[in-house]
Amino acid sequence: MTDHRPTIMLVHAHPDDEVISTGGIALKYHEQGARVVLVTCTRGEEGEIVDAELNTPENKARLAEIRDVELARAIALLNITDFHQLAYRDSGMINTPANEHPESFNKADLQAATGRLVALVRQYQPDVLISYDENGSYGHPDHIMAHKITVAAFHAAGDPSQFPEAGPAWEPKKLYYTAYRRSIWRKAWEYMQARGEKTPLDDPEADLSRYVDDPRTTTAIEIGQYLPIKLQSLLEHRTQIGPTWGFLSLPEELRGELLSHEHFALIESRVSLPEREEFETDLLLGIR
């Protein structure tokens, strides 16, 4: 029997998502000797180019290729060496024409897409699977699809009768959703409003349900010491993220307060865990 290295698999929709909600844990668990595997579902070709210098028709036409390079640079900083790109077409934001593109992730066959992820689960044998909640964190069609295939793969990978062509069965132990806690976003937005900056709270129809109710959050991983590298990695996604993006525009003290932890919701565990009144502080609790 070979020794099993504790492994966490991240299933994300687009390049840059891996940094925003899980960049800190990638750094932390790598340093602790665990393996972190990243699966990115699309190449992000529907993204908006926020850098005016880069926002040209030529770059828009080759945005998928540019974002491939940005992603490679970002994950190198996160010490992620096990990476797989499923390379579906970006479906675009909800209710946009890109939703109907026949090659979009949104239109992919759920069974086939799940089978591709099951094969990776069986190959890498992750103890922990992490993706988004049923609303895809903020309603993006690709995030919702990533959620669907991750949940399906979590339940199918350990069943040898399902996807027998995908390799020997492997059963992940824990399933988590990323948790964008509503209280943290609101605090950031209120600060930005006070400075006269535009935020989603300016819209009277702002849908705050897109973020996670604080009580649903079960797990808080302290990543403060890794925050500078995480933010450096985020800025490698230059077409999508600029120095004034979201939390990056906040003063350093407030940014550190709001970004010192990455939050998750434990959805299913196949290992016994102690009852807790406080947040769980280790994704590999009960595994190592």
Protein backbone atom coordinates (compact mmCIF):
# COMPACT_ATOMS: atom_id res chain seq x y z
CA MET A 1 0.00 0.00 0.00
CA THR A 2 1.36 3.42 -0.93
CA ASP A 3 1.20 6.38 1.43
CA HIS A 4 -1.66 8.73 0.57
CA ARG A 5 -0.77 12.40 0.54
CA PRO A 6 -3.62 14.59 1.88
CA THR A 7 -5.17 16.20 -1.18
CA ILE A 8 -7.59 19.06 -1.78
CA MET A 9 -9.23 19.51 -5.19
CA LEU A 10 -10.56 22.94 -6.17
CA VAL A 11 -13.16 23.07 -8.95
CA HIS A 12 -13.47 26.60 -10.33
CA ALA A 13 -15.38 28.13 -13.22
CA HIS A 14 -12.93 30.65 -14.71
CA PRO A 15 -9.33 31.81 -14.48
CA ASP A 16 -9.00 34.16 -11.44
CA ASP A 17 -11.69 32.35 -9.40
CA GLU A 18 -8.99 30.11 -7.95
CA VAL A 19 -7.34 33.11 -6.28
CA ILE A 20 -10.38 35.02 -5.10
CA SER A 21 -11.88 32.39 -2.80
CA THR A 22 -9.15 29.77 -2.39
CA GLY A 23 -5.77 31.37 -3.08
CA GLY A 24 -4.89 31.52 0.60
CA ILE A 25 -5.71 27.89 1.33
CA ALA A 26 -3.74 26.79 -1.73
CA LEU A 27 -0.66 28.46 -0.27
CA LYS A 28 -1.32 27.31 3.28
CA TYR A 29 -1.96 23.65 2.58
CA HIS A 30 0.92 23.40 0.13
CA GLU A 31 3.21 24.70 2.87
CA GLN A 32 1.79 22.05 5.21
CA GLY A 33 2.68 19.30 2.75
CA ALA A 34 -0.75 18.64 1.27
CA ARG A 35 -1.35 18.51 -2.47
CA VAL A 36 -3.69 21.07 -4.02
CA VAL A 37 -5.22 20.19 -7.39
CA LEU A 38 -6.96 22.85 -9.49
CA VAL A 39 -9.62 22.09 -12.09
CA THR A 40 -10.74 25.13 -14.11
CA CYS A 41 -13.84 24.55 -16.20
CA THR A 42 -13.66 27.34 -18.81
CA ARG A 43 -11.06 29.57 -20.44
CA GLY A 44 -12.89 32.78 -19.59
CA GLU A 45 -13.24 34.22 -23.08
CA GLU A 46 -16.39 36.19 -22.17
CA GLY A 47 -14.63 38.18 -19.47
CA GLU A 48 -14.59 41.97 -19.60
CA ILE A 49 -11.13 43.47 -20.10
CA VAL A 50 -10.81 46.04 -17.32
CA ASP A 51 -7.31 47.26 -18.18
CA ALA A 52 -7.81 50.07 -20.71
CA GLU A 53 -4.35 49.52 -22.16
CA LEU A 54 -5.20 45.90 -22.95
CA ASN A 55 -8.79 46.49 -24.06
CA THR A 56 -8.33 46.21 -27.82
CA PRO A 57 -10.31 44.27 -30.42
CA GLU A 58 -7.26 42.08 -31.02
CA ASN A 59 -6.98 41.14 -27.36
CA LYS A 60 -10.71 40.54 -27.04
CA ALA A 61 -10.51 38.12 -29.97
CA ARG A 62 -7.73 36.16 -28.27
CA LEU A 63 -8.84 36.61 -24.67
CA ALA A 64 -8.94 32.88 -23.93
CA GLU A 65 -5.30 32.57 -24.93
CA ILE A 66 -4.33 35.60 -22.85
CA ARG A 67 -6.16 34.27 -19.82
CA ASP A 68 -4.41 30.91 -20.18
CA VAL A 69 -1.12 32.75 -19.69
CA GLU A 70 -2.47 34.84 -16.81
CA LEU A 71 -3.71 31.70 -15.09
CA ALA A 72 -0.37 29.95 -15.46
CA ARG A 73 1.40 32.89 -13.84
CA ALA A 74 -1.15 33.16 -11.04
CA ILE A 75 -1.08 29.51 -10.04
CA ALA A 76 2.71 29.44 -10.13
CA LEU A 77 2.63 31.99 -7.32
CA LEU A 78 0.12 29.80 -5.46
CA ASN A 79 2.43 26.77 -5.79
CA ILE A 80 -0.24 24.83 -7.68
CA THR A 81 1.45 22.36 -10.02
CA ASP A 82 -1.43 19.91 -10.53
CA PHE A 83 -3.77 21.75 -12.90
CA HIS A 84 -6.37 20.65 -15.42
CA GLN A 85 -8.32 22.89 -17.79
CA LEU A 86 -11.61 21.35 -18.92
CA ALA A 87 -11.66 24.08 -21.61
CA TYR A 88 -15.39 24.55 -21.99
CA ARG A 89 -16.43 27.85 -23.52
CA ASP A 90 -17.25 30.62 -21.06
CA SER A 91 -21.04 31.00 -20.86
CA GLY A 92 -20.94 34.70 -20.00
CA MET A 93 -22.98 36.45 -17.35
CA ILE A 94 -26.58 35.39 -16.87
CA ASN A 95 -29.06 36.51 -19.55
CA THR A 96 -26.41 37.32 -22.15
CA PRO A 97 -26.23 35.85 -25.68
CA ALA A 98 -23.17 33.79 -24.75
CA ASN A 99 -25.44 31.65 -22.56
CA GLU A 100 -26.83 30.08 -25.73
CA HIS A 101 -23.54 29.25 -27.44
CA PRO A 102 -23.64 25.50 -28.14
CA GLU A 103 -20.08 25.01 -26.85
CA SER A 104 -20.62 26.93 -23.61
CA PHE A 105 -20.21 25.19 -20.27
CA ASN A 106 -23.79 26.17 -19.54
CA LYS A 107 -24.91 23.93 -22.44
CA ALA A 108 -22.59 21.00 -21.72
CA ASP A 109 -24.04 17.56 -21.15
CA LEU A 110 -24.13 17.19 -17.37
CA GLN A 111 -23.38 13.47 -17.41
CA ALA A 112 -20.40 13.87 -19.73
CA ALA A 113 -18.98 16.82 -17.81
CA THR A 114 -19.40 14.95 -14.54
CA GLY A 115 -17.59 11.97 -16.02
CA ARG A 116 -14.60 14.13 -16.89
CA LEU A 117 -14.39 15.38 -13.32
CA VAL A 118 -14.89 11.88 -11.89
CA ALA A 119 -11.86 10.73 -13.90
CA LEU A 120 -9.76 13.47 -12.28
CA VAL A 121 -11.09 12.65 -8.81
CA ARG A 122 -10.12 9.02 -9.31
CA GLN A 123 -6.73 9.99 -10.68
CA TYR A 124 -5.75 12.41 -7.89
CA GLN A 125 -7.76 10.84 -5.04
CA PRO A 126 -8.67 14.08 -3.23
CA ASP A 127 -9.81 13.90 0.37
CA VAL A 128 -11.60 17.22 0.01
CA LEU A 129 -13.59 18.67 -2.90
CA ILE A 130 -14.33 22.41 -2.98
CA SER A 131 -16.57 24.34 -5.37
CA TYR A 132 -19.52 26.76 -5.19
CA ASP A 133 -22.98 26.63 -3.66
CA GLU A 134 -26.14 25.93 -5.63
CA ASN A 135 -26.37 29.61 -6.61
CA GLY A 136 -22.82 29.56 -7.92
CA SER A 137 -21.95 32.18 -5.28
CA TYR A 138 -23.39 34.99 -7.39
CA GLY A 139 -25.58 33.41 -10.04
CA HIS A 140 -23.09 33.01 -12.89
CA PRO A 141 -24.15 30.08 -15.13
CA ASP A 142 -20.63 28.61 -15.18
CA HIS A 143 -20.37 28.71 -11.40
CA ILE A 144 -23.70 26.92 -11.13
CA MET A 145 -22.55 24.28 -13.59
CA ALA A 146 -19.27 23.83 -11.68
CA HIS A 147 -21.37 23.29 -8.56
CA LYS A 148 -23.48 20.67 -10.29
CA ILE A 149 -20.61 18.57 -11.62
CA THR A 150 -18.69 18.79 -8.34
CA VAL A 151 -21.61 17.56 -6.25
CA ALA A 152 -22.34 14.82 -8.79
CA ALA A 153 -18.69 13.74 -8.89
CA PHE A 154 -18.47 13.70 -5.09
CA HIS A 155 -21.25 11.13 -5.01
CA ALA A 156 -20.29 9.16 -8.13
CA ALA A 157 -16.52 8.82 -7.86
CA GLY A 158 -16.68 6.21 -5.11
CA ASP A 159 -19.21 4.03 -6.93
CA PRO A 160 -17.47 1.57 -9.28
CA SER A 161 -20.71 1.05 -11.20
CA GLN A 162 -20.70 4.70 -12.30
CA PHE A 163 -18.28 5.82 -15.00
CA PRO A 164 -16.35 2.51 -14.96
CA GLU A 165 -14.17 3.81 -17.79
CA ALA A 166 -12.90 6.61 -15.52
CA GLY A 167 -10.60 4.44 -13.42
CA PRO A 168 -10.76 2.71 -10.03
CA ALA A 169 -13.30 4.15 -7.61
CA TRP A 170 -12.20 6.75 -5.06
CA GLU A 171 -14.45 8.30 -2.43
CA PRO A 172 -13.65 11.88 -1.33
CA LYS A 173 -14.21 12.45 2.37
CA LYS A 174 -15.50 16.02 2.57
CA LEU A 175 -17.42 18.41 0.30
CA TYR A 176 -17.24 22.16 0.83
CA TYR A 177 -18.73 25.21 -0.83
CA THR A 178 -16.86 28.50 -0.88
CA ALA A 179 -18.65 31.04 1.29
CA TYR A 180 -18.68 34.73 0.38
CA ARG A 181 -20.04 35.92 3.71
CA ARG A 182 -22.62 38.67 3.31
CA SER A 183 -21.42 40.61 6.37
CA ILE A 184 -17.92 40.99 4.94
CA TRP A 185 -19.11 42.24 1.56
CA ARG A 186 -21.53 44.65 3.21
CA LYS A 187 -18.82 46.13 5.41
CA ALA A 188 -16.58 46.69 2.41
CA TRP A 189 -19.39 48.25 0.40
CA GLU A 190 -20.41 50.56 3.24
CA TYR A 191 -16.84 51.82 3.48
CA MET A 192 -16.72 52.37 -0.29
CA GLN A 193 -20.07 54.19 -0.24
CA ALA A 194 -18.80 56.52 2.47
CA ARG A 195 -15.93 57.44 0.14
CA GLY A 196 -18.36 58.14 -2.69
CA GLU A 197 -17.41 55.05 -4.68
CA LYS A 198 -20.00 53.08 -6.63
CA THR A 199 -20.90 49.72 -5.10
CA PRO A 200 -23.63 47.11 -5.61
CA LEU A 201 -25.45 48.59 -2.61
CA ASP A 202 -26.20 51.70 -4.70
CA ASP A 203 -28.68 49.64 -6.70
CA PRO A 204 -32.01 49.44 -4.85
CA GLU A 205 -32.60 46.09 -6.53
CA ALA A 206 -29.21 44.69 -5.48
CA ASP A 207 -29.54 40.97 -4.90
CA LEU A 208 -27.76 40.32 -1.63
CA SER A 209 -28.99 36.72 -1.71
CA ARG A 210 -26.08 36.03 -4.04
CA TYR A 211 -23.79 35.97 -1.00
CA VAL A 212 -23.83 33.42 1.80
CA ASP A 213 -25.77 33.91 5.01
CA ASP A 214 -23.24 34.01 7.81
CA PRO A 215 -24.91 31.14 9.75
CA ARG A 216 -24.32 28.77 6.83
CA THR A 217 -20.57 29.28 7.11
CA THR A 218 -18.97 26.43 9.04
CA THR A 219 -15.28 26.88 8.36
CA ALA A 220 -12.83 29.77 8.56
CA ILE A 221 -9.25 29.24 7.48
CA GLU A 222 -6.77 31.87 8.66
CA ILE A 223 -4.66 32.98 5.70
CA GLY A 224 -3.38 36.39 6.81
CA GLN A 225 0.30 35.55 6.39
CA TYR A 226 -0.37 34.45 2.80
CA LEU A 227 -2.45 37.50 1.85
CA PRO A 228 0.36 39.47 0.14
CA ILE A 229 1.14 36.56 -2.20
CA LYS A 230 -2.56 35.92 -2.78
CA LEU A 231 -3.08 39.52 -3.87
CA GLN A 232 0.03 39.39 -6.04
CA SER A 233 -1.38 36.28 -7.69
CA LEU A 234 -4.71 38.00 -8.22
CA LEU A 235 -3.04 40.86 -10.05
CA GLU A 236 -1.54 38.40 -12.53
CA HIS A 237 -5.07 38.26 -13.98
CA ARG A 238 -4.40 41.67 -15.46
CA THR A 239 -7.21 41.67 -18.00
CA GLN A 240 -9.75 41.09 -15.21
CA ILE A 241 -8.32 42.64 -12.06
CA GLY A 242 -6.76 46.06 -11.55
CA PRO A 243 -5.30 47.81 -8.50
CA THR A 244 -8.67 49.49 -7.82
CA TRP A 245 -10.68 46.24 -8.03
CA GLY A 246 -13.07 45.59 -5.12
CA PHE A 247 -11.19 44.81 -1.94
CA LEU A 248 -7.90 46.01 -3.43
CA SER A 249 -9.17 49.59 -3.22
CA LEU A 250 -9.69 49.34 0.54
CA PRO A 251 -7.10 50.70 2.98
CA GLU A 252 -4.57 48.08 4.02
CA GLU A 253 -5.84 47.82 7.60
CA LEU A 254 -9.44 47.17 6.57
CA ARG A 255 -8.36 44.89 3.73
CA GLY A 256 -6.36 42.80 6.17
CA GLU A 257 -9.32 42.58 8.54
CA LEU A 258 -11.77 41.48 5.85
CA LEU A 259 -9.44 39.15 3.95
CA SER A 260 -7.59 37.46 6.80
CA HIS A 261 -9.72 34.32 6.45
CA GLU A 262 -11.21 32.27 3.63
CA HIS A 263 -14.63 30.89 4.50
CA PHE A 264 -16.40 27.69 3.52
CA ALA A 265 -19.55 25.72 4.20
CA LEU A 266 -19.07 22.03 4.98
CA ILE A 267 -21.87 20.29 3.09
CA GLU A 268 -21.06 16.63 3.57
CA SER A 269 -18.50 14.68 5.56
CA ARG A 270 -17.80 10.95 5.43
CA VAL A 271 -15.49 11.19 8.43
CA SER A 272 -16.52 11.72 12.04
CA LEU A 273 -16.01 15.26 13.25
CA PRO A 274 -16.26 16.74 16.74
CA GLU A 275 -19.25 18.92 17.51
CA ARG A 276 -18.20 22.55 17.43
CA GLU A 277 -19.68 25.84 18.51
CA GLU A 278 -16.97 27.82 16.76
CA PHE A 279 -15.76 27.69 13.16
CA GLU A 280 -13.90 24.65 11.95
CA THR A 281 -10.33 25.80 11.30
CA ASP A 282 -8.88 22.96 9.23
CA LEU A 283 -10.26 21.60 5.95
CA LEU A 284 -8.41 18.35 6.61
CA LEU A 285 -9.84 17.88 10.11
CA GLY A 286 -10.72 14.22 10.56
CA ILE A 287 -8.50 13.19 7.64
CA ARG A 288 -4.94 13.61 8.86
